[in-house]
Amino acid sequence: QVQLVESGGGLVQAGGSLRLSCAASGSIGSIRSMGWYRQFPGKPRELVVRITNDGTTSYADSVKGRFTGSRDNAKNAVFLQMNSLKPEDTAVYYCTSEIRTLLLVPFRDYWGQGTQVTVSS
């Protein structure tokens, strides 16, 4: 069983910063990409940042220059440093990772349960 556990969400004032953390645990054979999505009310989840195993990082245009994604491969962890937060960043943020439990088994997407980030004006 694979589990992704998120932490760091909460309430912050506009212009402030927040750091989200996520660690994968359980029956992990290997990890490919890791990243973060967010979901606004009534909308599908959208990409925030995606990091490949070799460190290549892709950001949504809306967060470029403000958010920074990073990984600690030794800890099977991914982080999201959010700076200059805006009220429109308010959403549920989900950690995600491509994981396979066994060699030669296809990678599958796993998701955390989500953490609420609320930015007040």
N, C-alpha and C. Protein backbone atom coordinates (compact mmCIF):
# COMPACT_ATOMS: atom_id res chain seq x y z
N GLN A 1 0.82 -1.19 0.00
CA GLN A 1 0.00 0.00 0.00
C GLN A 1 0.87 1.26 0.00
N VAL A 2 0.54 2.20 -0.87
CA VAL A 2 1.24 3.46 -0.99
C VAL A 2 0.38 4.56 -0.42
N GLN A 3 1.02 5.46 0.30
CA GLN A 3 0.31 6.58 0.90
C GLN A 3 1.11 7.85 0.71
N LEU A 4 0.43 8.93 0.37
CA LEU A 4 1.02 10.26 0.31
C LEU A 4 0.40 11.10 1.41
N VAL A 5 1.25 11.67 2.24
CA VAL A 5 0.80 12.46 3.37
C VAL A 5 1.27 13.89 3.19
N GLU A 6 0.32 14.82 3.21
CA GLU A 6 0.59 16.23 3.00
C GLU A 6 0.53 17.00 4.32
N SER A 7 1.25 18.09 4.36
CA SER A 7 1.20 18.98 5.51
C SER A 7 1.59 20.39 5.07
N GLY A 8 1.25 21.36 5.89
CA GLY A 8 1.68 22.73 5.65
C GLY A 8 0.60 23.69 5.19
N GLY A 9 -0.58 23.19 4.87
CA GLY A 9 -1.65 24.07 4.46
C GLY A 9 -2.17 24.90 5.62
N GLY A 10 -2.93 25.92 5.28
CA GLY A 10 -3.49 26.77 6.31
C GLY A 10 -3.92 28.11 5.77
N LEU A 11 -4.08 29.05 6.67
CA LEU A 11 -4.52 30.39 6.35
C LEU A 11 -3.34 31.35 6.41
N VAL A 12 -3.21 32.17 5.38
CA VAL A 12 -2.12 33.12 5.31
C VAL A 12 -2.62 34.41 4.68
N GLN A 13 -2.02 35.51 5.04
CA GLN A 13 -2.39 36.80 4.47
C GLN A 13 -1.78 36.97 3.08
N ALA A 14 -2.46 37.75 2.26
CA ALA A 14 -1.93 38.06 0.93
C ALA A 14 -0.53 38.64 1.05
N GLY A 15 0.34 38.19 0.16
CA GLY A 15 1.73 38.60 0.20
C GLY A 15 2.61 37.72 1.05
N GLY A 16 2.01 36.85 1.82
CA GLY A 16 2.76 35.97 2.69
C GLY A 16 3.24 34.72 1.99
N SER A 17 3.81 33.83 2.78
CA SER A 17 4.40 32.61 2.26
C SER A 17 3.88 31.39 3.02
N LEU A 18 3.94 30.28 2.34
CA LEU A 18 3.54 29.01 2.92
C LEU A 18 4.37 27.92 2.26
N ARG A 19 4.70 26.90 3.02
CA ARG A 19 5.47 25.78 2.48
C ARG A 19 4.70 24.49 2.70
N LEU A 20 4.39 23.80 1.62
CA LEU A 20 3.72 22.52 1.67
C LEU A 20 4.73 21.39 1.57
N SER A 21 4.47 20.32 2.29
CA SER A 21 5.33 19.15 2.27
C SER A 21 4.50 17.91 1.99
N CYS A 22 5.11 16.94 1.35
CA CYS A 22 4.44 15.69 1.06
C CYS A 22 5.48 14.58 1.04
N ALA A 23 5.17 13.48 1.70
CA ALA A 23 6.06 12.34 1.72
C ALA A 23 5.30 11.08 1.34
N ALA A 24 5.90 10.30 0.48
CA ALA A 24 5.33 9.03 0.07
C ALA A 24 5.90 7.91 0.94
N SER A 25 5.05 6.97 1.28
CA SER A 25 5.49 5.84 2.09
C SER A 25 4.71 4.60 1.69
N GLY A 26 5.18 3.45 2.16
CA GLY A 26 4.52 2.20 1.86
C GLY A 26 5.31 1.34 0.91
N SER A 27 4.62 0.60 0.08
CA SER A 27 5.25 -0.36 -0.84
C SER A 27 5.72 0.35 -2.10
N ILE A 28 6.84 1.04 -1.98
CA ILE A 28 7.38 1.83 -3.08
C ILE A 28 8.56 1.10 -3.70
N GLY A 29 8.42 0.77 -4.97
CA GLY A 29 9.54 0.22 -5.72
C GLY A 29 10.40 1.32 -6.30
N SER A 30 9.77 2.28 -6.96
CA SER A 30 10.48 3.43 -7.51
C SER A 30 9.48 4.54 -7.78
N ILE A 31 10.00 5.75 -7.85
CA ILE A 31 9.20 6.94 -8.10
C ILE A 31 9.71 7.61 -9.36
N ARG A 32 8.79 8.03 -10.21
CA ARG A 32 9.16 8.79 -11.41
C ARG A 32 8.95 10.27 -11.12
N SER A 33 7.85 10.85 -11.51
CA SER A 33 7.62 12.26 -11.24
C SER A 33 6.89 12.48 -9.93
N MET A 34 7.03 13.68 -9.39
CA MET A 34 6.28 14.12 -8.23
C MET A 34 5.85 15.55 -8.49
N GLY A 35 4.79 15.97 -7.84
CA GLY A 35 4.36 17.33 -8.05
C GLY A 35 3.14 17.71 -7.25
N TRP A 36 2.58 18.85 -7.63
CA TRP A 36 1.42 19.41 -6.96
C TRP A 36 0.40 19.88 -7.97
N TYR A 37 -0.86 19.64 -7.66
CA TYR A 37 -2.00 20.19 -8.37
C TYR A 37 -2.84 20.98 -7.38
N ARG A 38 -3.73 21.80 -7.91
CA ARG A 38 -4.68 22.48 -7.05
C ARG A 38 -6.04 22.48 -7.71
N GLN A 39 -7.06 22.63 -6.88
CA GLN A 39 -8.43 22.58 -7.36
C GLN A 39 -9.22 23.73 -6.76
N PHE A 40 -9.80 24.53 -7.65
CA PHE A 40 -10.71 25.59 -7.23
C PHE A 40 -12.12 25.03 -7.19
N PRO A 41 -13.00 25.63 -6.41
CA PRO A 41 -14.37 25.12 -6.31
C PRO A 41 -15.05 25.02 -7.68
N GLY A 42 -15.63 23.87 -7.96
CA GLY A 42 -16.35 23.67 -9.20
C GLY A 42 -15.48 23.48 -10.42
N LYS A 43 -14.18 23.36 -10.25
CA LYS A 43 -13.25 23.23 -11.37
C LYS A 43 -12.43 21.96 -11.23
N PRO A 44 -11.91 21.44 -12.35
CA PRO A 44 -11.03 20.28 -12.25
C PRO A 44 -9.67 20.67 -11.70
N ARG A 45 -8.95 19.69 -11.23
CA ARG A 45 -7.60 19.95 -10.76
C ARG A 45 -6.72 20.47 -11.88
N GLU A 46 -5.83 21.38 -11.55
CA GLU A 46 -4.90 21.93 -12.52
C GLU A 46 -3.47 21.84 -11.99
N LEU A 47 -2.55 21.73 -12.93
CA LEU A 47 -1.14 21.60 -12.58
C LEU A 47 -0.63 22.85 -11.89
N VAL A 48 0.13 22.65 -10.83
CA VAL A 48 0.90 23.71 -10.21
C VAL A 48 2.38 23.55 -10.57
N VAL A 49 2.94 22.41 -10.23
CA VAL A 49 4.33 22.11 -10.56
C VAL A 49 4.49 20.60 -10.69
N ARG A 50 5.36 20.19 -11.60
CA ARG A 50 5.67 18.79 -11.80
C ARG A 50 7.18 18.66 -11.92
N ILE A 51 7.76 17.72 -11.19
CA ILE A 51 9.20 17.52 -11.17
C ILE A 51 9.51 16.09 -11.57
N THR A 52 10.31 15.92 -12.61
CA THR A 52 10.72 14.59 -13.02
C THR A 52 11.80 14.06 -12.10
N ASN A 53 12.12 12.79 -12.28
CA ASN A 53 13.11 12.16 -11.42
C ASN A 53 14.50 12.77 -11.57
N ASP A 54 14.80 13.33 -12.74
CA ASP A 54 16.10 13.95 -12.94
C ASP A 54 16.10 15.43 -12.57
N GLY A 55 15.00 15.93 -12.03
CA GLY A 55 14.96 17.29 -11.54
C GLY A 55 14.37 18.32 -12.47
N THR A 56 13.95 17.93 -13.66
CA THR A 56 13.32 18.86 -14.58
C THR A 56 11.98 19.31 -14.01
N THR A 57 11.78 20.61 -13.93
CA THR A 57 10.63 21.18 -13.26
C THR A 57 9.79 22.01 -14.22
N SER A 58 8.49 21.78 -14.19
CA SER A 58 7.54 22.53 -15.02
C SER A 58 6.51 23.19 -14.13
N TYR A 59 6.21 24.46 -14.42
CA TYR A 59 5.27 25.23 -13.62
C TYR A 59 4.11 25.71 -14.46
N ALA A 60 2.97 25.86 -13.82
CA ALA A 60 1.87 26.58 -14.44
C ALA A 60 2.25 28.05 -14.57
N ASP A 61 1.79 28.68 -15.65
CA ASP A 61 2.12 30.08 -15.86
C ASP A 61 1.68 30.96 -14.70
N SER A 62 0.59 30.60 -14.07
CA SER A 62 0.03 31.43 -13.01
C SER A 62 0.89 31.48 -11.75
N VAL A 63 1.82 30.54 -11.61
CA VAL A 63 2.64 30.50 -10.39
C VAL A 63 4.12 30.73 -10.66
N LYS A 64 4.51 30.84 -11.91
CA LYS A 64 5.92 31.05 -12.23
C LYS A 64 6.45 32.32 -11.56
N GLY A 65 7.61 32.20 -10.97
CA GLY A 65 8.22 33.32 -10.29
C GLY A 65 7.79 33.48 -8.85
N ARG A 66 6.75 32.79 -8.44
CA ARG A 66 6.25 32.88 -7.07
C ARG A 66 6.37 31.57 -6.30
N PHE A 67 6.14 30.46 -6.98
CA PHE A 67 6.18 29.15 -6.35
C PHE A 67 7.43 28.40 -6.79
N THR A 68 7.96 27.59 -5.89
CA THR A 68 9.11 26.77 -6.19
C THR A 68 8.87 25.35 -5.71
N GLY A 69 8.95 24.40 -6.63
CA GLY A 69 8.84 23.00 -6.26
C GLY A 69 10.22 22.39 -6.09
N SER A 70 10.33 21.45 -5.19
CA SER A 70 11.60 20.77 -4.96
C SER A 70 11.34 19.36 -4.46
N ARG A 71 12.38 18.53 -4.52
CA ARG A 71 12.26 17.13 -4.09
C ARG A 71 13.42 16.75 -3.20
N ASP A 72 13.15 15.82 -2.33
CA ASP A 72 14.18 15.14 -1.57
C ASP A 72 13.99 13.66 -1.86
N ASN A 73 14.75 13.16 -2.81
CA ASN A 73 14.55 11.80 -3.26
C ASN A 73 14.87 10.76 -2.18
N ALA A 74 15.81 11.08 -1.31
CA ALA A 74 16.16 10.16 -0.24
C ALA A 74 15.00 9.95 0.72
N LYS A 75 14.14 10.94 0.82
CA LYS A 75 12.99 10.87 1.73
C LYS A 75 11.67 10.64 1.01
N ASN A 76 11.73 10.45 -0.31
CA ASN A 76 10.51 10.30 -1.12
C ASN A 76 9.55 11.45 -0.86
N ALA A 77 10.10 12.64 -0.84
CA ALA A 77 9.33 13.82 -0.47
C ALA A 77 9.36 14.88 -1.57
N VAL A 78 8.31 15.66 -1.61
CA VAL A 78 8.21 16.79 -2.52
C VAL A 78 7.67 17.98 -1.75
N PHE A 79 8.13 19.17 -2.11
CA PHE A 79 7.78 20.38 -1.39
C PHE A 79 7.30 21.45 -2.35
N LEU A 80 6.52 22.36 -1.83
CA LEU A 80 6.07 23.50 -2.60
C LEU A 80 6.22 24.75 -1.74
N GLN A 81 7.18 25.58 -2.10
CA GLN A 81 7.38 26.86 -1.43
C GLN A 81 6.56 27.90 -2.18
N MET A 82 5.61 28.50 -1.51
CA MET A 82 4.71 29.46 -2.11
C MET A 82 4.97 30.84 -1.51
N ASN A 83 5.40 31.76 -2.34
CA ASN A 83 5.68 33.12 -1.93
C ASN A 83 4.74 34.09 -2.65
N SER A 84 4.64 35.29 -2.12
CA SER A 84 3.80 36.33 -2.71
C SER A 84 2.40 35.80 -3.00
N LEU A 85 1.83 35.15 -2.02
CA LEU A 85 0.53 34.53 -2.21
C LEU A 85 -0.57 35.56 -2.45
N LYS A 86 -1.51 35.18 -3.29
CA LYS A 86 -2.63 36.02 -3.66
C LYS A 86 -3.93 35.33 -3.27
N PRO A 87 -4.99 36.10 -3.05
CA PRO A 87 -6.28 35.46 -2.74
C PRO A 87 -6.71 34.44 -3.80
N GLU A 88 -6.36 34.67 -5.05
CA GLU A 88 -6.73 33.74 -6.10
C GLU A 88 -5.95 32.43 -6.06
N ASP A 89 -4.97 32.33 -5.17
CA ASP A 89 -4.29 31.06 -4.94
C ASP A 89 -5.07 30.15 -4.00
N THR A 90 -6.13 30.66 -3.42
CA THR A 90 -6.93 29.87 -2.50
C THR A 90 -7.51 28.66 -3.21
N ALA A 91 -7.20 27.47 -2.69
CA ALA A 91 -7.62 26.23 -3.33
C ALA A 91 -7.23 25.07 -2.43
N VAL A 92 -7.68 23.89 -2.82
CA VAL A 92 -7.19 22.67 -2.21
C VAL A 92 -5.99 22.20 -3.03
N TYR A 93 -4.89 21.98 -2.37
CA TYR A 93 -3.66 21.57 -3.04
C TYR A 93 -3.43 20.08 -2.81
N TYR A 94 -3.13 19.37 -3.90
CA TYR A 94 -2.95 17.93 -3.86
C TYR A 94 -1.53 17.55 -4.26
N CYS A 95 -0.92 16.74 -3.46
CA CYS A 95 0.34 16.12 -3.80
C CYS A 95 0.08 14.93 -4.71
N THR A 96 0.94 14.73 -5.69
CA THR A 96 0.80 13.59 -6.59
C THR A 96 2.17 13.02 -6.93
N SER A 97 2.17 11.74 -7.25
CA SER A 97 3.42 11.07 -7.60
C SER A 97 3.14 9.87 -8.48
N GLU A 98 4.04 9.63 -9.43
CA GLU A 98 4.01 8.41 -10.22
C GLU A 98 4.88 7.37 -9.53
N ILE A 99 4.27 6.28 -9.13
CA ILE A 99 4.95 5.26 -8.33
C ILE A 99 4.64 3.88 -8.89
N ARG A 100 5.64 3.02 -8.88
CA ARG A 100 5.39 1.61 -9.11
C ARG A 100 5.86 0.82 -7.92
N THR A 101 5.07 -0.16 -7.53
CA THR A 101 5.38 -0.94 -6.34
C THR A 101 6.37 -2.05 -6.61
N LEU A 102 6.49 -2.46 -7.87
CA LEU A 102 7.40 -3.52 -8.28
C LEU A 102 8.09 -3.13 -9.57
N LEU A 103 9.29 -3.63 -9.77
CA LEU A 103 9.97 -3.43 -11.04
C LEU A 103 9.16 -4.07 -12.16
N LEU A 104 9.12 -3.40 -13.30
CA LEU A 104 8.42 -3.85 -14.51
C LEU A 104 6.91 -3.70 -14.42
N VAL A 105 6.40 -3.28 -13.30
CA VAL A 105 4.99 -2.95 -13.18
C VAL A 105 4.81 -1.50 -13.63
N PRO A 106 3.74 -1.21 -14.38
CA PRO A 106 3.57 0.18 -14.83
C PRO A 106 3.47 1.18 -13.69
N PHE A 107 4.00 2.37 -13.93
CA PHE A 107 3.82 3.45 -12.98
C PHE A 107 2.35 3.86 -12.92
N ARG A 108 1.91 4.20 -11.74
CA ARG A 108 0.56 4.68 -11.53
C ARG A 108 0.59 6.00 -10.77
N ASP A 109 -0.44 6.79 -10.96
CA ASP A 109 -0.56 8.05 -10.25
C ASP A 109 -1.19 7.82 -8.88
N TYR A 110 -0.56 8.40 -7.87
CA TYR A 110 -1.09 8.39 -6.52
C TYR A 110 -1.30 9.82 -6.06
N TRP A 111 -2.28 10.00 -5.19
CA TRP A 111 -2.68 11.33 -4.77
C TRP A 111 -2.80 11.41 -3.26
N GLY A 112 -2.41 12.54 -2.72
CA GLY A 112 -2.71 12.83 -1.34
C GLY A 112 -4.17 13.23 -1.20
N GLN A 113 -4.60 13.38 0.02
CA GLN A 113 -6.00 13.70 0.26
C GLN A 113 -6.30 15.19 0.09
N GLY A 114 -5.30 16.00 -0.05
CA GLY A 114 -5.48 17.42 -0.26
C GLY A 114 -5.32 18.21 1.02
N THR A 115 -4.79 19.41 0.87
CA THR A 115 -4.65 20.32 2.00
C THR A 115 -5.14 21.70 1.57
N GLN A 116 -5.95 22.31 2.41
CA GLN A 116 -6.55 23.59 2.09
C GLN A 116 -5.56 24.73 2.30
N VAL A 117 -5.44 25.58 1.29
CA VAL A 117 -4.67 26.81 1.39
C VAL A 117 -5.63 27.97 1.18
N THR A 118 -5.71 28.84 2.15
CA THR A 118 -6.60 29.99 2.07
C THR A 118 -5.77 31.26 2.24
N VAL A 119 -5.90 32.17 1.29
CA VAL A 119 -5.15 33.42 1.31
C VAL A 119 -6.15 34.56 1.49
N SER A 120 -6.02 35.28 2.56
CA SER A 120 -6.92 36.37 2.86
C SER A 120 -6.39 37.68 2.27
N SER A 121 -7.31 38.57 1.93
CA SER A 121 -6.94 39.85 1.36
C SER A 121 -6.60 40.86 2.44
